[in-house]
Amino acid sequence: MKTMSDEDFRRYVADLGRRMETINSRKELSSFIFMLCKGYREGAFEEQDAEDYLSGTGSLFRAMDSWYRNNDIKDDPDVPTWRMMARVLLASFSHS
């Protein structure tokens, strides 16, 4: 696994945030997921196994109401969207 420079990491995180908030289609979500994969390969996220990642994903879905409230997300957590999936996939890296 490579390690990103601090500057590359800042650019990557900023780009992820911008892209995540504009996702409205399956194609855009797919591109975002490949961007997450690239970041993972390049060291933007802590290494973890699939079980840990999926556990984080499950925990986020379980606590979706409070997670949305705490992060000032105005969308309805009971109405799934492509953007919701992107948010969960990204946040799961830090909730495992």
Protein backbone atom coordinates (compact mmCIF):
# COMPACT_ATOMS: atom_id res chain seq x y z
CA MET A 1 0.00 0.00 0.00
CA LYS A 2 1.38 3.40 -1.01
CA THR A 3 1.22 6.44 1.21
CA MET A 4 -0.16 9.75 -0.05
CA SER A 5 1.70 12.96 0.64
CA ASP A 6 -0.10 15.40 2.94
CA GLU A 7 -0.89 17.65 -0.01
CA ASP A 8 -2.24 14.76 -2.11
CA PHE A 9 -4.32 13.62 0.85
CA ARG A 10 -5.84 17.11 1.32
CA ARG A 11 -6.71 17.31 -2.38
CA TYR A 12 -8.14 13.79 -2.35
CA VAL A 13 -10.36 14.45 0.68
CA ALA A 14 -11.60 17.76 -0.77
CA ASP A 15 -12.39 16.10 -4.09
CA LEU A 16 -14.19 13.22 -2.33
CA GLY A 17 -16.36 15.68 -0.41
CA ARG A 18 -17.27 17.66 -3.52
CA ARG A 19 -18.09 14.56 -5.53
CA MET A 20 -20.03 12.91 -2.71
CA GLU A 21 -22.43 15.83 -2.36
CA THR A 22 -23.30 15.82 -6.07
CA ILE A 23 -24.00 12.10 -6.52
CA ASN A 24 -27.42 11.56 -8.06
CA SER A 25 -27.01 8.44 -10.18
CA ARG A 26 -25.76 4.88 -10.12
CA LYS A 27 -22.98 5.84 -12.55
CA GLU A 28 -21.80 8.68 -10.29
CA LEU A 29 -21.84 6.36 -7.26
CA SER A 30 -19.85 3.77 -9.18
CA SER A 31 -17.19 6.37 -10.04
CA PHE A 32 -17.11 7.46 -6.40
CA ILE A 33 -16.59 3.87 -5.24
CA PHE A 34 -13.63 3.46 -7.60
CA MET A 35 -12.26 6.71 -6.21
CA LEU A 36 -12.55 5.24 -2.69
CA CYS A 37 -10.71 2.11 -3.89
CA LYS A 38 -7.88 4.20 -5.31
CA GLY A 39 -7.61 6.16 -2.06
CA TYR A 40 -7.56 2.95 -0.03
CA ARG A 41 -4.78 1.51 -2.21
CA GLU A 42 -2.79 4.73 -1.84
CA GLY A 43 -3.05 4.87 1.93
CA ALA A 44 -5.78 7.47 2.45
CA PHE A 45 -7.60 5.11 4.83
CA GLU A 46 -6.43 2.84 7.60
CA GLU A 47 -6.08 -0.78 6.50
CA GLN A 48 -8.95 -2.98 7.66
CA ASP A 49 -10.49 -6.26 6.71
CA ALA A 50 -13.90 -6.66 5.10
CA GLU A 51 -15.56 -7.74 8.35
CA ASP A 52 -14.46 -4.56 10.14
CA TYR A 53 -15.56 -2.38 7.24
CA LEU A 54 -18.95 -4.08 6.98
CA SER A 55 -19.41 -3.84 10.75
CA GLY A 56 -18.84 -0.09 10.47
CA THR A 57 -21.35 0.08 7.62
CA GLY A 58 -23.97 -1.82 9.63
CA SER A 59 -23.41 0.42 12.64
CA LEU A 60 -23.90 3.54 10.53
CA PHE A 61 -27.17 2.26 9.10
CA ARG A 62 -28.36 1.33 12.59
CA ALA A 63 -27.60 4.83 13.90
CA MET A 64 -28.57 6.71 10.73
CA ASP A 65 -31.01 9.09 12.48
CA SER A 66 -28.46 10.35 14.99
CA TRP A 67 -25.60 10.25 12.48
CA TYR A 68 -27.55 12.52 10.10
CA ARG A 69 -28.57 14.82 12.96
CA ASN A 70 -24.99 15.05 14.34
CA ASN A 71 -23.59 15.82 10.89
CA ASP A 72 -26.34 18.32 10.02
CA ILE A 73 -27.48 16.27 7.02
CA LYS A 74 -30.96 17.43 6.05
CA ASP A 75 -31.96 14.41 3.93
CA ASP A 76 -34.48 11.90 5.29
CA PRO A 77 -32.47 8.90 6.58
CA ASP A 78 -35.41 6.61 5.77
CA VAL A 79 -35.34 7.50 2.07
CA PRO A 80 -32.33 5.84 0.43
CA THR A 81 -30.47 7.78 -2.24
CA TRP A 82 -27.27 7.28 -4.24
CA ARG A 83 -25.74 10.08 -2.16
CA MET A 84 -26.67 8.29 1.08
CA MET A 85 -24.82 5.21 -0.13
CA ALA A 86 -21.73 7.29 -0.92
CA ARG A 87 -21.83 8.91 2.53
CA VAL A 88 -22.10 5.54 4.24
CA LEU A 89 -19.36 3.93 2.15
CA LEU A 90 -16.97 6.77 2.96
CA ALA A 91 -17.87 7.04 6.64
CA SER A 92 -17.59 3.28 7.14
CA PHE A 93 -13.81 3.58 6.92
CA SER A 94 -13.80 5.53 10.18
CA HIS A 95 -16.63 3.69 11.96
CA SER A 96 -15.19 0.19 11.97
